[in-house]
Amino acid sequence: MVFVYIIVAAILLYYAIKYGIRDGLIDRDANKDKLIYLQKSADLFEEIGNIHRTVGEENKVKAKSIYDESLDVLLSEMEPSEKYNTLVQYKQDIDHINNG
């Protein structure tokens, strides 16, 4: 009788794992665009942080405010594409401060 319980449990575990993985893959494919924009936004935020660290003392306050605003955008509930577009604008602003 124990052997039958083990077989039934193994079959149930197989189907639970099979459909769990399938549903996970479906969710991943459905949110692929969001994930791409979120990754691009994270990379862009990292670039903004790198530029922020290289800015001279005379523009440090402006660069810090842009960095803080970009962090707020990254952590906000905006749509991923809107986040990316806003971060692109902040990167251009901080580049202008760094080079200007």
PDB file of N, CA and C in Angstrom:
ATOM      1  N   MET A   1       0.809  -1.183   0.000  1.00  0.00           N
ATOM      2  CA  MET A   1       0.000   0.000   0.000  1.00  0.00           C
ATOM      3  C   MET A   1       0.865   1.266   0.000  1.00  0.00           C
ATOM      4  N   VAL A   2       1.958   1.261   0.727  1.00  0.00           N
ATOM      5  CA  VAL A   2       2.870   2.401   0.764  1.00  0.00           C
ATOM      6  C   VAL A   2       3.458   2.641  -0.620  1.00  0.00           C
ATOM      7  N   PHE A   3       3.732   1.559  -1.320  1.00  0.00           N
ATOM      8  CA  PHE A   3       4.275   1.682  -2.668  1.00  0.00           C
ATOM      9  C   PHE A   3       3.300   2.416  -3.591  1.00  0.00           C
ATOM     10  N   VAL A   4       2.024   2.160  -3.460  1.00  0.00           N
ATOM     11  CA  VAL A   4       1.006   2.820  -4.275  1.00  0.00           C
ATOM     12  C   VAL A   4       0.984   4.315  -3.953  1.00  0.00           C
ATOM     13  N   TYR A   5       1.083   4.677  -2.666  1.00  0.00           N
ATOM     14  CA  TYR A   5       1.116   6.087  -2.275  1.00  0.00           C
ATOM     15  C   TYR A   5       2.330   6.806  -2.859  1.00  0.00           C
ATOM     16  N   ILE A   6       3.462   6.119  -2.871  1.00  0.00           N
ATOM     17  CA  ILE A   6       4.675   6.713  -3.428  1.00  0.00           C
ATOM     18  C   ILE A   6       4.506   6.936  -4.934  1.00  0.00           C
ATOM     19  N   ILE A   7       3.944   5.998  -5.635  1.00  0.00           N
ATOM     20  CA  ILE A   7       3.724   6.131  -7.081  1.00  0.00           C
ATOM     21  C   ILE A   7       2.759   7.276  -7.362  1.00  0.00           C
ATOM     22  N   VAL A   8       1.670   7.357  -6.622  1.00  0.00           N
ATOM     23  CA  VAL A   8       0.683   8.416  -6.827  1.00  0.00           C
ATOM     24  C   VAL A   8       1.316   9.787  -6.528  1.00  0.00           C
ATOM     25  N   ALA A   9       2.097   9.873  -5.458  1.00  0.00           N
ATOM     26  CA  ALA A   9       2.765  11.134  -5.104  1.00  0.00           C
ATOM     27  C   ALA A   9       3.759  11.535  -6.186  1.00  0.00           C
ATOM     28  N   ALA A  10       4.485  10.574  -6.743  1.00  0.00           N
ATOM     29  CA  ALA A  10       5.444  10.867  -7.809  1.00  0.00           C
ATOM     30  C   ALA A  10       4.727  11.377  -9.053  1.00  0.00           C
ATOM     31  N   ILE A  11       3.602  10.773  -9.391  1.00  0.00           N
ATOM     32  CA  ILE A  11       2.840  11.216 -10.563  1.00  0.00           C
ATOM     33  C   ILE A  11       2.316  12.627 -10.341  1.00  0.00           C
ATOM     34  N   LEU A  12       1.769  12.893  -9.169  1.00  0.00           N
ATOM     35  CA  LEU A  12       1.266  14.234  -8.863  1.00  0.00           C
ATOM     36  C   LEU A  12       2.390  15.266  -8.876  1.00  0.00           C
ATOM     37  N   LEU A  13       3.536  14.911  -8.347  1.00  0.00           N
ATOM     38  CA  LEU A  13       4.680  15.820  -8.352  1.00  0.00           C
ATOM     39  C   LEU A  13       5.141  16.098  -9.779  1.00  0.00           C
ATOM     40  N   TYR A  14       5.143  15.091 -10.611  1.00  0.00           N
ATOM     41  CA  TYR A  14       5.533  15.266 -12.010  1.00  0.00           C
ATOM     42  C   TYR A  14       4.635  16.288 -12.702  1.00  0.00           C
ATOM     43  N   TYR A  15       3.320  16.126 -12.549  1.00  0.00           N
ATOM     44  CA  TYR A  15       2.402  17.059 -13.211  1.00  0.00           C
ATOM     45  C   TYR A  15       2.460  18.456 -12.603  1.00  0.00           C
ATOM     46  N   ALA A  16       2.664  18.539 -11.299  1.00  0.00           N
ATOM     47  CA  ALA A  16       2.776  19.858 -10.669  1.00  0.00           C
ATOM     48  C   ALA A  16       3.994  20.604 -11.201  1.00  0.00           C
ATOM     49  N   ILE A  17       5.105  19.912 -11.316  1.00  0.00           N
ATOM     50  CA  ILE A  17       6.321  20.537 -11.841  1.00  0.00           C
ATOM     51  C   ILE A  17       6.159  20.863 -13.326  1.00  0.00           C
ATOM     52  N   LYS A  18       5.584  19.941 -14.084  1.00  0.00           N
ATOM     53  CA  LYS A  18       5.412  20.141 -15.523  1.00  0.00           C
ATOM     54  C   LYS A  18       4.566  21.379 -15.807  1.00  0.00           C
ATOM     55  N   TYR A  19       3.428  21.492 -15.167  1.00  0.00           N
ATOM     56  CA  TYR A  19       2.550  22.629 -15.433  1.00  0.00           C
ATOM     57  C   TYR A  19       3.050  23.905 -14.776  1.00  0.00           C
ATOM     58  N   GLY A  20       3.760  23.793 -13.680  1.00  0.00           N
ATOM     59  CA  GLY A  20       4.360  24.976 -13.053  1.00  0.00           C
ATOM     60  C   GLY A  20       5.416  25.603 -13.943  1.00  0.00           C
ATOM     61  N   ILE A  21       6.259  24.787 -14.525  1.00  0.00           N
ATOM     62  CA  ILE A  21       7.300  25.289 -15.431  1.00  0.00           C
ATOM     63  C   ILE A  21       6.657  25.857 -16.691  1.00  0.00           C
ATOM     64  N   ARG A  22       5.647  25.190 -17.211  1.00  0.00           N
ATOM     65  CA  ARG A  22       4.969  25.681 -18.412  1.00  0.00           C
ATOM     66  C   ARG A  22       4.324  27.043 -18.155  1.00  0.00           C
ATOM     67  N   ASP A  23       3.652  27.187 -17.032  1.00  0.00           N
ATOM     68  CA  ASP A  23       3.019  28.468 -16.707  1.00  0.00           C
ATOM     69  C   ASP A  23       4.068  29.560 -16.497  1.00  0.00           C
ATOM     70  N   GLY A  24       5.191  29.199 -15.911  1.00  0.00           N
ATOM     71  CA  GLY A  24       6.271  30.166 -15.730  1.00  0.00           C
ATOM     72  C   GLY A  24       6.838  30.641 -17.056  1.00  0.00           C
ATOM     73  N   LEU A  25       6.996  29.738 -17.994  1.00  0.00           N
ATOM     74  CA  LEU A  25       7.488  30.111 -19.324  1.00  0.00           C
ATOM     75  C   LEU A  25       6.487  30.977 -20.062  1.00  0.00           C
ATOM     76  N   ILE A  26       5.218  30.684 -19.898  1.00  0.00           N
ATOM     77  CA  ILE A  26       4.185  31.497 -20.547  1.00  0.00           C
ATOM     78  C   ILE A  26       4.196  32.910 -19.968  1.00  0.00           C
ATOM     79  N   ASP A  27       4.296  33.034 -18.643  1.00  0.00           N
ATOM     80  CA  ASP A  27       4.356  34.352 -18.012  1.00  0.00           C
ATOM     81  C   ASP A  27       5.585  35.124 -18.457  1.00  0.00           C
ATOM     82  N   ARG A  28       6.712  34.439 -18.560  1.00  0.00           N
ATOM     83  CA  ARG A  28       7.939  35.095 -18.994  1.00  0.00           C
ATOM     84  C   ARG A  28       7.805  35.633 -20.412  1.00  0.00           C
ATOM     85  N   ASP A  29       7.232  34.836 -21.284  1.00  0.00           N
ATOM     86  CA  ASP A  29       7.052  35.279 -22.668  1.00  0.00           C
ATOM     87  C   ASP A  29       6.048  36.418 -22.769  1.00  0.00           C
ATOM     88  N   ALA A  30       5.019  36.393 -21.921  1.00  0.00           N
ATOM     89  CA  ALA A  30       4.010  37.447 -21.949  1.00  0.00           C
ATOM     90  C   ALA A  30       4.590  38.776 -21.475  1.00  0.00           C
ATOM     91  N   ASN A  31       5.544  38.741 -20.562  1.00  0.00           N
ATOM     92  CA  ASN A  31       6.126  39.961 -19.999  1.00  0.00           C
ATOM     93  C   ASN A  31       7.504  40.264 -20.556  1.00  0.00           C
ATOM     94  N   LYS A  32       7.832  39.706 -21.694  1.00  0.00           N
ATOM     95  CA  LYS A  32       9.172  39.847 -22.253  1.00  0.00           C
ATOM     96  C   LYS A  32       9.525  41.306 -22.541  1.00  0.00           C
ATOM     97  N   ASP A  33       8.600  42.067 -23.107  1.00  0.00           N
ATOM     98  CA  ASP A  33       8.861  43.478 -23.405  1.00  0.00           C
ATOM     99  C   ASP A  33       9.124  44.268 -22.126  1.00  0.00           C
ATOM    100  N   LYS A  34       8.326  43.995 -21.102  1.00  0.00           N
ATOM    101  CA  LYS A  34       8.535  44.683 -19.825  1.00  0.00           C
ATOM    102  C   LYS A  34       9.907  44.357 -19.255  1.00  0.00           C
ATOM    103  N   LEU A  35      10.277  43.097 -19.322  1.00  0.00           N
ATOM    104  CA  LEU A  35      11.573  42.684 -18.779  1.00  0.00           C
ATOM    105  C   LEU A  35      12.724  43.327 -19.549  1.00  0.00           C
ATOM    106  N   ILE A  36      12.583  43.446 -20.853  1.00  0.00           N
ATOM    107  CA  ILE A  36      13.634  44.072 -21.664  1.00  0.00           C
ATOM    108  C   ILE A  36      13.792  45.533 -21.276  1.00  0.00           C
ATOM    109  N   TYR A  37      12.663  46.256 -21.158  1.00  0.00           N
ATOM    110  CA  TYR A  37      12.736  47.662 -20.775  1.00  0.00           C
ATOM    111  C   TYR A  37      13.262  47.842 -19.355  1.00  0.00           C
ATOM    112  N   LEU A  38      12.902  46.936 -18.452  1.00  0.00           N
ATOM    113  CA  LEU A  38      13.412  47.038 -17.083  1.00  0.00           C
ATOM    114  C   LEU A  38      14.922  46.818 -17.039  1.00  0.00           C
ATOM    115  N   GLN A  39      15.420  45.881 -17.839  1.00  0.00           N
ATOM    116  CA  GLN A  39      16.862  45.649 -17.886  1.00  0.00           C
ATOM    117  C   GLN A  39      17.586  46.841 -18.494  1.00  0.00           C
ATOM    118  N   LYS A  40      17.023  47.400 -19.566  1.00  0.00           N
ATOM    119  CA  LYS A  40      17.626  48.587 -20.181  1.00  0.00           C
ATOM    120  C   LYS A  40      17.631  49.751 -19.200  1.00  0.00           C
ATOM    121  N   SER A  41      16.554  49.898 -18.444  1.00  0.00           N
ATOM    122  CA  SER A  41      16.467  50.981 -17.465  1.00  0.00           C
ATOM    123  C   SER A  41      17.496  50.798 -16.353  1.00  0.00           C
ATOM    124  N   ALA A  42      17.682  49.576 -15.903  1.00  0.00           N
ATOM    125  CA  ALA A  42      18.680  49.319 -14.866  1.00  0.00           C
ATOM    126  C   ALA A  42      20.087  49.616 -15.373  1.00  0.00           C
ATOM    127  N   ASP A  43      20.376  49.244 -16.615  1.00  0.00           N
ATOM    128  CA  ASP A  43      21.684  49.542 -17.197  1.00  0.00           C
ATOM    129  C   ASP A  43      21.893  51.048 -17.344  1.00  0.00           C
ATOM    130  N   LEU A  44      20.843  51.741 -17.760  1.00  0.00           N
ATOM    131  CA  LEU A  44      20.921  53.189 -17.920  1.00  0.00           C
ATOM    132  C   LEU A  44      21.129  53.872 -16.574  1.00  0.00           C
ATOM    133  N   PHE A  45      20.458  53.377 -15.536  1.00  0.00           N
ATOM    134  CA  PHE A  45      20.653  53.930 -14.198  1.00  0.00           C
ATOM    135  C   PHE A  45      22.086  53.725 -13.728  1.00  0.00           C
ATOM    136  N   GLU A  46      22.659  52.586 -14.053  1.00  0.00           N
ATOM    137  CA  GLU A  46      24.058  52.328 -13.694  1.00  0.00           C
ATOM    138  C   GLU A  46      24.988  53.318 -14.415  1.00  0.00           C
ATOM    139  N   GLU A  47      24.708  53.609 -15.673  1.00  0.00           N
ATOM    140  CA  GLU A  47      25.504  54.597 -16.404  1.00  0.00           C
ATOM    141  C   GLU A  47      25.369  55.977 -15.769  1.00  0.00           C
ATOM    142  N   ILE A  48      24.153  56.337 -15.359  1.00  0.00           N
ATOM    143  CA  ILE A  48      23.939  57.626 -14.699  1.00  0.00           C
ATOM    144  C   ILE A  48      24.742  57.683 -13.407  1.00  0.00           C
ATOM    145  N   GLY A  49      24.771  56.585 -12.664  1.00  0.00           N
ATOM    146  CA  GLY A  49      25.554  56.531 -11.435  1.00  0.00           C
ATOM    147  C   GLY A  49      27.043  56.681 -11.693  1.00  0.00           C
ATOM    148  N   ASN A  50      27.528  56.063 -12.750  1.00  0.00           N
ATOM    149  CA  ASN A  50      28.948  56.188 -13.091  1.00  0.00           C
ATOM    150  C   ASN A  50      29.307  57.619 -13.469  1.00  0.00           C
ATOM    151  N   ILE A  51      28.437  58.268 -14.238  1.00  0.00           N
ATOM    152  CA  ILE A  51      28.681  59.663 -14.612  1.00  0.00           C
ATOM    153  C   ILE A  51      28.609  60.554 -13.374  1.00  0.00           C
ATOM    154  N   HIS A  52      27.656  60.252 -12.500  1.00  0.00           N
ATOM    155  CA  HIS A  52      27.493  61.036 -11.263  1.00  0.00           C
ATOM    156  C   HIS A  52      28.774  61.024 -10.433  1.00  0.00           C
ATOM    157  N   ARG A  53      29.442  59.882 -10.397  1.00  0.00           N
ATOM    158  CA  ARG A  53      30.676  59.777  -9.607  1.00  0.00           C
ATOM    159  C   ARG A  53      31.836  60.553 -10.229  1.00  0.00           C
ATOM    160  N   THR A  54      31.781  60.814 -11.536  1.00  0.00           N
ATOM    161  CA  THR A  54      32.891  61.506 -12.189  1.00  0.00           C
ATOM    162  C   THR A  54      32.691  63.013 -12.316  1.00  0.00           C
ATOM    163  N   VAL A  55      31.529  63.502 -11.904  1.00  0.00           N
ATOM    164  CA  VAL A  55      31.235  64.933 -12.042  1.00  0.00           C
ATOM    165  C   VAL A  55      32.097  65.720 -11.060  1.00  0.00           C
ATOM    166  N   GLY A  56      32.576  66.889 -11.514  1.00  0.00           N
ATOM    167  CA  GLY A  56      33.402  67.750 -10.681  1.00  0.00           C
ATOM    168  C   GLY A  56      32.614  68.376  -9.538  1.00  0.00           C
ATOM    169  N   GLU A  57      33.337  68.982  -8.603  1.00  0.00           N
ATOM    170  CA  GLU A  57      32.740  69.555  -7.397  1.00  0.00           C
ATOM    171  C   GLU A  57      31.760  70.688  -7.699  1.00  0.00           C
ATOM    172  N   GLU A  58      32.011  71.463  -8.747  1.00  0.00           N
ATOM    173  CA  GLU A  58      31.164  72.627  -9.015  1.00  0.00           C
ATOM    174  C   GLU A  58      29.747  72.228  -9.464  1.00  0.00           C
ATOM    175  N   ASN A  59      29.587  71.031 -10.022  1.00  0.00           N
ATOM    176  CA  ASN A  59      28.275  70.574 -10.492  1.00  0.00           C
ATOM    177  C   ASN A  59      27.745  69.386  -9.693  1.00  0.00           C
ATOM    178  N   LYS A  60      28.344  69.138  -8.543  1.00  0.00           N
ATOM    179  CA  LYS A  60      27.990  67.957  -7.763  1.00  0.00           C
ATOM    180  C   LYS A  60      26.533  67.987  -7.294  1.00  0.00           C
ATOM    181  N   VAL A  61      26.027  69.148  -6.925  1.00  0.00           N
ATOM    182  CA  VAL A  61      24.658  69.252  -6.412  1.00  0.00           C
ATOM    183  C   VAL A  61      23.642  68.946  -7.514  1.00  0.00           C
ATOM    184  N   LYS A  62      23.863  69.507  -8.712  1.00  0.00           N
ATOM    185  CA  LYS A  62      22.958  69.229  -9.830  1.00  0.00           C
ATOM    186  C   LYS A  62      22.992  67.746 -10.205  1.00  0.00           C
ATOM    187  N   ALA A  63      24.189  67.190 -10.236  1.00  0.00           N
ATOM    188  CA  ALA A  63      24.333  65.778 -10.597  1.00  0.00           C
ATOM    189  C   ALA A  63      23.667  64.888  -9.551  1.00  0.00           C
ATOM    190  N   LYS A  64      23.797  65.253  -8.296  1.00  0.00           N
ATOM    191  CA  LYS A  64      23.171  64.475  -7.220  1.00  0.00           C
ATOM    192  C   LYS A  64      21.650  64.519  -7.345  1.00  0.00           C
ATOM    193  N   SER A  65      21.090  65.687  -7.679  1.00  0.00           N
ATOM    194  CA  SER A  65      19.636  65.786  -7.809  1.00  0.00           C
ATOM    195  C   SER A  65      19.140  64.953  -9.003  1.00  0.00           C
ATOM    196  N   ILE A  66      19.880  64.971 -10.095  1.00  0.00           N
ATOM    197  CA  ILE A  66      19.497  64.156 -11.260  1.00  0.00           C
ATOM    198  C   ILE A  66      19.595  62.673 -10.916  1.00  0.00           C
ATOM    199  N   TYR A  67      20.642  62.297 -10.199  1.00  0.00           N
ATOM    200  CA  TYR A  67      20.810  60.902  -9.781  1.00  0.00           C
ATOM    201  C   TYR A  67      19.650  60.470  -8.878  1.00  0.00           C
ATOM    202  N   ASP A  68      19.279  61.327  -7.927  1.00  0.00           N
ATOM    203  CA  ASP A  68      18.172  61.006  -7.023  1.00  0.00           C
ATOM    204  C   ASP A  68      16.850  60.892  -7.770  1.00  0.00           C
ATOM    205  N   GLU A  69      16.609  61.806  -8.704  1.00  0.00           N
ATOM    206  CA  GLU A  69      15.381  61.754  -9.495  1.00  0.00           C
ATOM    207  C   GLU A  69      15.333  60.491 -10.358  1.00  0.00           C
ATOM    208  N   SER A  70      16.478  60.104 -10.904  1.00  0.00           N
ATOM    209  CA  SER A  70      16.504  58.895 -11.730  1.00  0.00           C
ATOM    210  C   SER A  70      16.258  57.643 -10.879  1.00  0.00           C
ATOM    211  N   LEU A  71      16.734  57.647  -9.640  1.00  0.00           N
ATOM    212  CA  LEU A  71      16.451  56.530  -8.743  1.00  0.00           C
ATOM    213  C   LEU A  71      14.964  56.470  -8.422  1.00  0.00           C
ATOM    214  N   ASP A  72      14.354  57.629  -8.197  1.00  0.00           N
ATOM    215  CA  ASP A  72      12.911  57.671  -7.952  1.00  0.00           C
ATOM    216  C   ASP A  72      12.131  57.127  -9.140  1.00  0.00           C
ATOM    217  N   VAL A  73      12.562  57.473 -10.346  1.00  0.00           N
ATOM    218  CA  VAL A  73      11.894  56.978 -11.549  1.00  0.00           C
ATOM    219  C   VAL A  73      12.069  55.470 -11.663  1.00  0.00           C
ATOM    220  N   LEU A  74      13.265  54.983 -11.398  1.00  0.00           N
ATOM    221  CA  LEU A  74      13.533  53.552 -11.516  1.00  0.00           C
ATOM    222  C   LEU A  74      12.673  52.742 -10.551  1.00  0.00           C
ATOM    223  N   LEU A  75      12.443  53.277  -9.365  1.00  0.00           N
ATOM    224  CA  LEU A  75      11.671  52.559  -8.352  1.00  0.00           C
ATOM    225  C   LEU A  75      10.179  52.861  -8.404  1.00  0.00           C
ATOM    226  N   SER A  76       9.756  53.709  -9.319  1.00  0.00           N
ATOM    227  CA  SER A  76       8.352  54.110  -9.385  1.00  0.00           C
ATOM    228  C   SER A  76       7.506  53.021 -10.049  1.00  0.00           C
ATOM    229  N   GLU A  77       6.207  53.273 -10.083  1.00  0.00           N
ATOM    230  CA  GLU A  77       5.259  52.333 -10.671  1.00  0.00           C
ATOM    231  C   GLU A  77       4.912  52.690 -12.119  1.00  0.00           C
ATOM    232  N   MET A  78       5.770  53.465 -12.768  1.00  0.00           N
ATOM    233  CA  MET A  78       5.532  53.853 -14.156  1.00  0.00           C
ATOM    234  C   MET A  78       5.645  52.629 -15.069  1.00  0.00           C
ATOM    235  N   GLU A  79       5.145  52.784 -16.265  1.00  0.00           N
ATOM    236  CA  GLU A  79       5.324  51.740 -17.272  1.00  0.00           C
ATOM    237  C   GLU A  79       6.813  51.628 -17.612  1.00  0.00           C
ATOM    238  N   PRO A  80       7.316  50.428 -17.880  1.00  0.00           N
ATOM    239  CA  PRO A  80       8.742  50.255 -18.161  1.00  0.00           C
ATOM    240  C   PRO A  80       9.260  51.097 -19.324  1.00  0.00           C
ATOM    241  N   SER A  81       8.477  51.244 -20.381  1.00  0.00           N
ATOM    242  CA  SER A  81       8.942  52.046 -21.517  1.00  0.00           C
ATOM    243  C   SER A  81       9.011  53.528 -21.135  1.00  0.00           C
ATOM    244  N   GLU A  82       8.082  53.976 -20.316  1.00  0.00           N
ATOM    245  CA  GLU A  82       8.096  55.367 -19.850  1.00  0.00           C
ATOM    246  C   GLU A  82       9.293  55.608 -18.921  1.00  0.00           C
ATOM    247  N   LYS A  83       9.595  54.625 -18.082  1.00  0.00           N
ATOM    248  CA  LYS A  83      10.779  54.724 -17.217  1.00  0.00           C
ATOM    249  C   LYS A  83      12.035  54.880 -18.065  1.00  0.00           C
ATOM    250  N   TYR A  84      12.149  54.047 -19.090  1.00  0.00           N
ATOM    251  CA  TYR A  84      13.325  54.073 -19.941  1.00  0.00           C
ATOM    252  C   TYR A  84      13.482  55.425 -20.618  1.00  0.00           C
ATOM    253  N   ASN A  85      12.397  55.949 -21.168  1.00  0.00           N
ATOM    254  CA  ASN A  85      12.462  57.235 -21.853  1.00  0.00           C
ATOM    255  C   ASN A  85      12.844  58.363 -20.897  1.00  0.00           C
ATOM    256  N   THR A  86      12.321  58.323 -19.682  1.00  0.00           N
ATOM    257  CA  THR A  86      12.664  59.343 -18.692  1.00  0.00           C
ATOM    258  C   THR A  86      14.133  59.233 -18.292  1.00  0.00           C
ATOM    259  N   LEU A  87      14.620  58.005 -18.106  1.00  0.00           N
ATOM    260  CA  LEU A  87      16.020  57.820 -17.741  1.00  0.00           C
ATOM    261  C   LEU A  87      16.965  58.239 -18.868  1.00  0.00           C
ATOM    262  N   VAL A  88      16.547  58.065 -20.109  1.00  0.00           N
ATOM    263  CA  VAL A  88      17.357  58.541 -21.236  1.00  0.00           C
ATOM    264  C   VAL A  88      17.502  60.057 -21.148  1.00  0.00           C
ATOM    265  N   GLN A  89      16.408  60.740 -20.821  1.00  0.00           N
ATOM    266  CA  GLN A  89      16.456  62.201 -20.687  1.00  0.00           C
ATOM    267  C   GLN A  89      17.382  62.614 -19.539  1.00  0.00           C
ATOM    268  N   TYR A  90      17.297  61.901 -18.410  1.00  0.00           N
ATOM    269  CA  TYR A  90      18.178  62.214 -17.278  1.00  0.00           C
ATOM    270  C   TYR A  90      19.646  61.955 -17.624  1.00  0.00           C
ATOM    271  N   LYS A  91      19.902  60.906 -18.398  1.00  0.00           N
ATOM    272  CA  LYS A  91      21.286  60.627 -18.796  1.00  0.00           C
ATOM    273  C   LYS A  91      21.819  61.746 -19.682  1.00  0.00           C
ATOM    274  N   GLN A  92      20.987  62.240 -20.580  1.00  0.00           N
ATOM    275  CA  GLN A  92      21.413  63.357 -21.424  1.00  0.00           C
ATOM    276  C   GLN A  92      21.679  64.587 -20.569  1.00  0.00           C
ATOM    277  N   ASP A  93      20.838  64.824 -19.571  1.00  0.00           N
ATOM    278  CA  ASP A  93      21.028  65.986 -18.682  1.00  0.00           C
ATOM    279  C   ASP A  93      22.340  65.877 -17.910  1.00  0.00           C
ATOM    280  N   ILE A  94      22.599  64.704 -17.351  1.00  0.00           N
ATOM    281  CA  ILE A  94      23.819  64.551 -16.545  1.00  0.00           C
ATOM    282  C   ILE A  94      25.068  64.545 -17.439  1.00  0.00           C
ATOM    283  N   ASP A  95      24.932  64.048 -18.674  1.00  0.00           N
ATOM    284  CA  ASP A  95      26.047  64.138 -19.630  1.00  0.00           C
ATOM    285  C   ASP A  95      26.346  65.593 -19.947  1.00  0.00           C
ATOM    286  N   HIS A  96      25.319  66.379 -20.119  1.00  0.00           N
ATOM    287  CA  HIS A  96      25.481  67.804 -20.414  1.00  0.00           C
ATOM    288  C   HIS A  96      26.183  68.508 -19.238  1.00  0.00           C
ATOM    289  N   ILE A  97      25.814  68.160 -18.031  1.00  0.00           N
ATOM    290  CA  ILE A  97      26.457  68.755 -16.845  1.00  0.00           C
ATOM    291  C   ILE A  97      27.913  68.326 -16.775  1.00  0.00           C
ATOM    292  N   ASN A  98      28.182  67.065 -17.044  1.00  0.00           N
ATOM    293  CA  ASN A  98      29.545  66.536 -16.947  1.00  0.00           C
ATOM    294  C   ASN A  98      30.448  67.129 -18.022  1.00  0.00           C
ATOM    295  N   ASN A  99      29.930  67.305 -19.238  1.00  0.00           N
ATOM    296  CA  ASN A  99      30.747  67.800 -20.338  1.00  0.00           C
ATOM    297  C   ASN A  99      30.708  69.324 -20.471  1.00  0.00           C
ATOM    298  N   GLY A 100      29.708  69.937 -19.855  1.00  0.00           N
ATOM    299  CA  GLY A 100      29.533  71.383 -20.026  1.00  0.00           C
ATOM    300  C   GLY A 100      30.201  72.166 -18.998  1.00  0.00           C
TER     301      GLY A 100
END
